[in-house]
Protein backbone atom coordinates (compact mmCIF):
# COMPACT_ATOMS: atom_id res chain seq x y z
CA MET A 1 52.33 49.30 135.11
CA LEU A 2 49.83 48.58 132.34
CA ARG A 3 47.24 47.08 134.72
CA LEU A 4 47.50 50.02 137.09
CA GLY A 5 47.19 52.41 134.16
CA LEU A 6 44.07 50.67 132.90
CA LEU A 7 42.53 50.78 136.37
CA LEU A 8 43.28 54.48 136.71
CA LEU A 9 42.00 55.13 133.20
CA ILE A 10 38.68 53.33 133.63
CA VAL A 11 37.61 53.42 137.30
CA PRO A 12 37.50 57.21 137.97
CA PRO A 13 35.18 58.04 135.04
CA LEU A 14 32.92 55.13 136.00
CA ALA A 15 32.78 56.41 139.58
CA LEU A 16 31.96 59.92 138.34
CA MET A 17 29.19 58.60 136.10
CA ALA A 18 27.78 56.52 138.95
CA GLY A 19 27.74 59.52 141.30
CA TYR A 20 26.10 61.70 138.68
CA MET A 21 23.46 59.10 137.80
CA ILE A 22 22.60 58.44 141.45
CA GLU A 23 22.12 62.16 142.01
CA GLN A 24 20.04 62.50 138.85
CA ALA A 25 17.80 59.64 140.01
CA GLN A 26 17.22 61.51 143.28
CA VAL A 27 16.42 64.73 141.40
CA ASP A 28 14.02 62.89 139.09
CA ALA A 29 12.23 61.22 142.01
CA CYS A 30 11.91 64.58 143.74
CA LEU A 31 10.46 66.30 140.68
CA ASP A 32 8.08 63.39 140.03
CA SER A 33 6.72 63.73 143.56
CA GLY A 34 6.00 67.43 142.95
CA GLY A 35 8.90 68.83 144.93
CA ALA A 36 11.75 71.13 144.01
CA TRP A 37 15.37 70.00 144.15
CA HIS A 38 17.76 72.26 146.04
CA TYR A 39 21.08 71.53 144.34
CA ALA A 40 23.31 73.29 146.87
CA GLU A 41 21.75 71.37 149.78
CA ALA A 42 21.18 68.15 147.77
CA GLU A 43 17.69 67.71 149.19
CA CYS A 44 14.11 67.71 148.01
CA VAL A 45 12.04 70.68 149.18
CA SER A 46 8.25 70.77 149.01
CA SER A 47 8.03 74.29 147.60
CA GLY A 48 10.15 76.96 146.00
CA GLU A 49 12.36 77.34 142.96
CA TYR A 50 16.09 76.85 143.07
CA PRO A 51 18.62 77.52 140.32
CA PHE A 52 20.35 74.64 138.58
CA VAL A 53 23.96 74.22 139.71
CA PRO A 54 26.07 71.91 137.51
CA PHE A 55 27.63 68.78 139.00
CA MET A 56 31.14 70.15 138.41
CA MET A 57 30.37 73.34 140.31
CA ARG A 58 29.11 71.33 143.30
CA HIS A 59 31.88 68.72 143.27
CA PRO A 60 34.97 70.33 141.68
CA LEU A 61 37.54 68.25 143.58
CA LEU A 62 35.78 65.00 142.68
CA VAL A 63 35.49 65.84 138.98
CA ASN A 64 38.93 67.38 138.53
CA GLY A 65 40.61 64.73 140.67
CA GLY A 66 38.91 61.94 138.74
CA MET A 67 39.96 63.38 135.41
CA LEU A 68 43.51 63.90 136.65
CA LEU A 69 43.67 60.26 137.75
CA SER A 70 42.45 59.22 134.30
CA VAL A 71 45.19 61.23 132.61
CA VAL A 72 47.78 59.68 134.94
CA GLY A 73 46.33 56.28 134.03
CA LEU A 74 46.69 57.11 130.34
CA PHE A 75 50.37 57.93 130.82
CA PHE A 76 50.88 54.74 132.84
CA CYS A 77 49.30 52.78 129.98
CA LEU A 78 51.57 54.46 127.45
CA ILE A 79 54.64 53.72 129.57
CA GLY A 80 53.50 50.13 130.11
CA LEU A 81 52.94 49.61 126.40
CA TYR A 82 56.24 51.26 125.50
CA LYS A 83 58.29 49.14 127.89
CA GLY A 84 56.44 45.93 127.08
CA ARG A 85 56.63 42.80 129.20
CA SER A 86 60.32 42.61 130.01
C-alpha cells in the first residue's frame, strides 16, 4: 500500500510538470521565431494577438485528476505507514 501511495503521490505532479514544461518550450520557440502562440489551438501563428489562457483552463481534467490522484496517494501512504509491515 505504501509503494502504491508513493507512486500516486509523486508521478501525477511530475507528469503535470512535464506537460506544462513541454508546452512552455513550444510557446517560447514560437515567440522566439516571431510568431504568436494561439493557446486554445495550441499552435504557432505567424500574425495576430491571442489572449493568454492558463494551463488549468485548457486542461482541467488533467490538472484536477492529477491532483486528486496525488491526494489519494497521500492517503494510501498514511494508511501504509499506519498499518506498518505486518
